[in-house]
N, C-alpha and C. Protein backbone atom coordinates (compact mmCIF):
# COMPACT_ATOMS: atom_id res chain seq x y z
N UNK A 1 94.24 94.56 62.33
CA UNK A 1 94.98 95.00 63.44
C UNK A 1 94.07 95.68 64.41
N UNK A 2 94.19 95.34 65.68
CA UNK A 2 93.36 95.90 66.73
C UNK A 2 93.59 97.31 67.13
N UNK A 3 92.54 98.09 67.36
CA UNK A 3 92.80 99.57 67.69
C UNK A 3 93.56 99.64 68.99
N UNK A 4 94.47 100.70 69.01
CA UNK A 4 95.22 100.93 70.21
C UNK A 4 94.41 101.80 71.09
N UNK A 5 94.27 101.63 72.43
CA UNK A 5 93.67 102.32 73.39
C UNK A 5 94.25 103.69 73.51
N UNK A 6 93.46 104.70 73.76
CA UNK A 6 94.08 106.08 73.87
C UNK A 6 94.00 106.42 75.43
N UNK A 7 95.13 106.94 76.01
CA UNK A 7 95.20 107.33 77.32
C UNK A 7 95.65 106.04 78.26
N UNK A 8 95.16 106.06 79.32
CA UNK A 8 95.55 105.06 80.33
C UNK A 8 95.16 103.74 79.79
N UNK A 9 96.00 102.66 80.00
CA UNK A 9 95.68 101.33 79.59
C UNK A 9 94.72 100.70 80.55
N UNK A 10 93.61 100.33 80.15
CA UNK A 10 92.50 99.68 80.97
C UNK A 10 93.01 98.25 81.44
N UNK A 11 93.97 97.67 80.92
CA UNK A 11 94.38 96.40 81.27
C UNK A 11 95.11 96.47 82.61
N UNK A 12 95.82 97.74 82.80
CA UNK A 12 96.49 97.89 84.24
C UNK A 12 95.50 97.77 85.22
N UNK A 13 94.29 98.23 85.11
CA UNK A 13 93.27 98.21 86.14
C UNK A 13 92.98 96.77 86.43
N UNK A 14 92.84 96.02 85.36
CA UNK A 14 92.54 94.54 85.50
C UNK A 14 93.60 93.85 86.20
N UNK A 15 94.85 93.97 85.87
CA UNK A 15 95.90 93.43 86.45
C UNK A 15 96.09 93.78 87.75
N UNK A 16 95.91 95.06 88.08
CA UNK A 16 96.02 95.60 89.53
C UNK A 16 94.99 94.94 90.34
N UNK A 17 93.79 94.76 89.77
CA UNK A 17 92.68 94.14 90.53
C UNK A 17 92.97 92.74 90.78
N UNK A 18 93.42 92.03 89.88
CA UNK A 18 93.81 90.44 90.23
C UNK A 18 94.98 90.49 91.14
N UNK A 19 95.92 91.49 91.09
CA UNK A 19 97.01 91.47 92.13
C UNK A 19 96.54 91.83 93.56
N UNK A 20 95.59 92.69 93.53
CA UNK A 20 94.88 93.09 94.83
C UNK A 20 94.17 91.82 95.44
N UNK A 21 93.47 91.18 94.57
CA UNK A 21 92.65 90.00 94.97
C UNK A 21 93.48 88.93 95.60
N UNK A 22 94.61 88.77 95.01
CA UNK A 22 95.61 87.70 95.55
C UNK A 22 96.29 88.06 96.78
N UNK A 23 96.54 89.50 96.94
CA UNK A 23 97.03 89.98 98.19
C UNK A 23 96.10 89.94 99.29
N UNK A 24 94.83 90.25 99.13
CA UNK A 24 93.78 90.27 100.06
C UNK A 24 93.49 88.90 100.47
N UNK A 25 93.47 88.01 99.59
CA UNK A 25 93.29 86.50 99.97
C UNK A 25 94.42 86.17 100.78
N UNK A 26 95.61 86.47 100.48
CA UNK A 26 96.76 85.95 101.39
C UNK A 26 96.77 86.74 102.74
N UNK A 27 96.37 87.88 102.82
CA UNK A 27 96.28 88.54 103.97
C UNK A 27 95.13 88.15 104.94
N UNK A 28 94.11 87.85 104.31
CA UNK A 28 92.91 87.37 105.06
C UNK A 28 93.21 86.04 105.70
N UNK A 29 94.01 85.28 105.00
CA UNK A 29 94.33 83.91 105.50
C UNK A 29 95.42 83.91 106.61
N UNK A 30 96.22 85.01 106.60
CA UNK A 30 97.31 85.03 107.68
C UNK A 30 96.83 85.30 108.87
N UNK A 31 97.25 84.77 109.99
CA UNK A 31 96.99 85.10 111.41
C UNK A 31 98.10 84.81 112.44
N UNK A 32 97.90 85.32 113.55
CA UNK A 32 98.88 85.30 114.54
C UNK A 32 98.59 84.03 115.37
N UNK A 33 99.72 83.36 115.79
CA UNK A 33 99.61 82.15 116.60
C UNK A 33 100.22 82.52 118.01
N UNK A 34 99.95 81.65 118.94
CA UNK A 34 100.70 81.94 120.31
C UNK A 34 102.19 81.71 120.27
N UNK A 35 102.94 82.19 121.11
CA UNK A 35 104.34 82.16 121.20
C UNK A 35 105.05 83.08 120.26
N UNK A 36 104.29 84.11 119.70
CA UNK A 36 104.84 84.98 118.79
C UNK A 36 105.06 84.57 117.32
N UNK A 37 104.62 83.39 117.03
CA UNK A 37 104.69 82.90 115.69
C UNK A 37 103.63 83.45 114.86
N UNK A 38 103.87 83.76 113.60
CA UNK A 38 102.96 84.18 112.62
C UNK A 38 102.80 83.15 111.49
N UNK A 39 101.57 82.72 111.22
CA UNK A 39 101.27 81.71 110.25
C UNK A 39 100.78 82.47 109.02
N UNK A 40 101.25 82.08 107.79
CA UNK A 40 100.86 82.81 106.50
C UNK A 40 100.56 81.58 105.57
N UNK A 41 99.65 81.88 104.66
CA UNK A 41 99.25 81.00 103.59
C UNK A 41 99.69 81.67 102.22
N UNK A 42 100.12 80.89 101.30
CA UNK A 42 100.56 81.18 99.95
C UNK A 42 99.63 80.58 98.98
N UNK A 43 99.46 81.24 97.95
CA UNK A 43 98.65 80.57 96.83
C UNK A 43 99.40 79.44 96.31
N UNK A 44 98.78 78.40 95.85
CA UNK A 44 99.41 77.25 95.28
C UNK A 44 100.04 77.53 93.98
N UNK A 45 100.86 76.83 93.50
CA UNK A 45 101.55 76.97 92.28
C UNK A 45 100.53 76.92 90.99
N UNK A 46 99.64 75.93 91.26
CA UNK A 46 98.48 75.80 90.32
C UNK A 46 97.54 76.88 90.16
N UNK A 47 97.16 77.44 91.32
CA UNK A 47 96.40 78.64 91.40
C UNK A 47 97.02 79.88 90.68
N UNK A 48 98.24 80.13 91.15
CA UNK A 48 99.01 81.20 90.52
C UNK A 48 99.15 81.10 89.07
N UNK A 49 99.40 80.00 88.54
CA UNK A 49 99.54 79.64 87.06
C UNK A 49 98.18 79.91 86.54
N UNK A 50 97.13 79.56 87.17
CA UNK A 50 95.74 79.77 86.49
C UNK A 50 95.44 81.13 86.45
N UNK A 51 95.86 81.93 87.49
CA UNK A 51 95.57 83.40 87.47
C UNK A 51 96.34 84.09 86.33
N UNK A 52 97.54 83.76 86.10
CA UNK A 52 98.18 84.57 85.05
C UNK A 52 97.82 83.96 83.74
N UNK A 53 97.42 82.70 83.55
CA UNK A 53 96.93 82.20 82.33
C UNK A 53 95.56 82.81 82.00
N UNK A 54 94.64 82.93 82.94
CA UNK A 54 93.35 83.51 82.53
C UNK A 54 93.52 84.98 82.35
N UNK A 55 94.43 85.56 83.01
CA UNK A 55 94.55 87.07 82.82
C UNK A 55 95.03 87.39 81.35
N UNK A 56 96.04 86.63 80.97
CA UNK A 56 96.76 86.83 79.56
C UNK A 56 95.74 86.48 78.54
N UNK A 57 94.99 85.36 78.75
CA UNK A 57 93.91 84.95 77.72
C UNK A 57 92.89 85.91 77.65
N UNK A 58 92.42 86.51 78.75
CA UNK A 58 91.24 87.51 78.67
C UNK A 58 91.76 88.76 78.14
N UNK A 59 92.92 89.20 78.23
CA UNK A 59 93.55 90.40 77.59
C UNK A 59 93.75 90.13 76.16
N UNK A 60 94.16 89.00 75.69
CA UNK A 60 94.39 88.61 74.34
C UNK A 60 93.01 88.59 73.53
N UNK A 61 92.16 88.17 74.11
CA UNK A 61 90.73 88.14 73.52
C UNK A 61 90.21 89.67 73.24
N UNK A 62 90.64 90.48 74.01
CA UNK A 62 90.36 91.91 73.99
C UNK A 62 91.37 92.77 73.01
N UNK A 63 92.33 91.96 72.51
CA UNK A 63 93.27 92.72 71.74
C UNK A 63 94.56 93.28 72.34
N UNK A 64 94.61 92.92 73.63
CA UNK A 64 95.75 93.51 74.45
C UNK A 64 96.92 92.44 74.46
N UNK A 65 98.14 93.00 74.42
CA UNK A 65 99.37 91.98 74.57
C UNK A 65 100.00 92.42 75.81
N UNK A 66 99.84 91.45 76.82
CA UNK A 66 100.30 91.84 78.21
C UNK A 66 101.10 90.71 78.84
N UNK A 67 101.70 91.03 79.99
CA UNK A 67 102.40 90.20 80.90
C UNK A 67 101.63 90.19 82.15
N UNK A 68 101.36 89.01 82.72
CA UNK A 68 100.75 88.78 84.06
C UNK A 68 101.76 88.37 85.06
N UNK A 69 101.77 88.80 86.38
CA UNK A 69 102.74 88.36 87.40
C UNK A 69 101.96 88.21 88.48
N UNK A 70 102.15 87.12 89.27
CA UNK A 70 101.58 87.00 90.56
C UNK A 70 102.77 86.87 91.54
N UNK A 71 102.73 87.61 92.63
CA UNK A 71 103.69 87.56 93.71
C UNK A 71 103.19 87.37 95.00
N UNK A 72 104.02 86.73 95.88
CA UNK A 72 103.48 86.49 97.32
C UNK A 72 103.64 87.72 98.07
N UNK A 73 103.32 87.59 99.37
CA UNK A 73 103.19 88.75 100.28
C UNK A 73 104.59 89.44 100.50
N UNK A 74 105.78 88.68 100.17
CA UNK A 74 107.03 89.06 100.31
C UNK A 74 107.58 89.83 98.96
N UNK A 75 106.71 89.74 98.01
CA UNK A 75 107.03 90.15 96.62
C UNK A 75 107.81 89.31 95.77
N UNK A 76 107.82 88.00 96.13
CA UNK A 76 108.62 87.02 95.34
C UNK A 76 107.67 86.60 94.23
N UNK A 77 108.15 86.46 93.07
CA UNK A 77 107.31 85.98 91.89
C UNK A 77 106.85 84.59 92.11
N UNK A 78 105.65 84.22 91.89
CA UNK A 78 105.16 82.97 92.06
C UNK A 78 104.66 82.43 90.66
N UNK A 79 104.32 83.30 89.84
CA UNK A 79 103.96 82.91 88.34
C UNK A 79 104.11 84.14 87.51
N UNK A 80 104.65 83.83 86.35
CA UNK A 80 104.84 84.98 85.32
C UNK A 80 104.53 84.28 84.02
N UNK A 81 103.66 85.22 83.06
CA UNK A 81 103.21 84.63 81.77
C UNK A 81 103.34 85.78 80.79
N UNK A 82 104.18 85.75 79.92
CA UNK A 82 104.26 86.85 78.84
C UNK A 82 103.43 86.38 77.68
N UNK A 83 102.36 87.11 77.35
CA UNK A 83 101.44 86.77 76.22
C UNK A 83 102.15 87.04 74.91
N UNK A 84 101.54 86.48 73.95
CA UNK A 84 102.17 86.52 72.47
C UNK A 84 102.22 87.99 72.16
N UNK A 85 103.44 88.47 71.67
CA UNK A 85 103.48 89.87 71.27
C UNK A 85 103.65 90.84 72.28
N UNK A 86 103.74 90.59 73.55
CA UNK A 86 103.95 91.52 74.63
C UNK A 86 105.36 91.93 74.56
N UNK A 87 105.62 93.31 74.67
CA UNK A 87 107.05 93.74 74.59
C UNK A 87 107.82 93.25 75.77
N UNK A 88 109.12 93.14 75.61
CA UNK A 88 110.04 92.48 76.50
C UNK A 88 110.10 93.32 77.81
N UNK A 89 110.08 94.68 77.72
CA UNK A 89 110.18 95.58 78.79
C UNK A 89 108.92 95.39 79.70
N UNK A 90 107.73 94.93 79.15
CA UNK A 90 106.59 94.70 80.03
C UNK A 90 106.80 93.70 81.07
N UNK A 91 107.87 92.89 80.94
CA UNK A 91 108.11 91.70 82.02
C UNK A 91 108.44 92.44 83.22
N UNK A 92 109.29 93.44 83.23
CA UNK A 92 109.84 94.08 84.48
C UNK A 92 108.74 94.95 84.95
N UNK A 93 108.02 95.71 84.01
CA UNK A 93 106.97 96.66 84.46
C UNK A 93 105.74 95.92 85.19
N UNK A 94 105.39 94.64 84.66
CA UNK A 94 104.33 93.96 85.41
C UNK A 94 104.86 93.43 86.70
N UNK A 95 106.14 93.05 86.83
CA UNK A 95 106.66 92.73 88.17
C UNK A 95 106.66 93.86 89.17
N UNK A 96 107.10 95.00 88.61
CA UNK A 96 107.14 96.19 89.58
C UNK A 96 105.79 96.56 90.10
N UNK A 97 104.74 96.49 89.18
CA UNK A 97 103.38 96.82 89.58
C UNK A 97 102.94 95.77 90.65
N UNK A 98 103.25 94.48 90.39
CA UNK A 98 102.81 93.38 91.39
C UNK A 98 103.51 93.66 92.75
N UNK A 99 104.71 94.00 92.66
CA UNK A 99 105.65 94.07 93.83
C UNK A 99 105.27 95.30 94.50
N UNK A 100 104.81 96.30 94.00
CA UNK A 100 104.29 97.55 94.67
C UNK A 100 103.06 97.30 95.55
N UNK A 101 102.21 96.54 94.87
CA UNK A 101 101.06 96.15 95.62
C UNK A 101 101.25 95.23 96.80
N UNK A 102 102.13 94.24 96.62
CA UNK A 102 102.43 93.34 97.76
C UNK A 102 103.01 94.15 98.87
């Protein structure tokens, strides 16, 4: 059995970092156009799925059971992956963290 971390969960920092990376990438790609229209770019489904898959796999290798969520700039879920053994309530918690950053 893997040891349980004491204190703050270090995976929340990794998860937050990935969410911020996705947010910054989306914000940097967004730009204003003439006529008052705003053009935005969203992550592709393939990239969003790769992000959650890599996040859950990395955490699993370190002994953490997590859920990864990628949201767009509007806070809409683009990809969700619940790792093996991750508690059911962590689905909502992961979304709330991602939504807060967006």
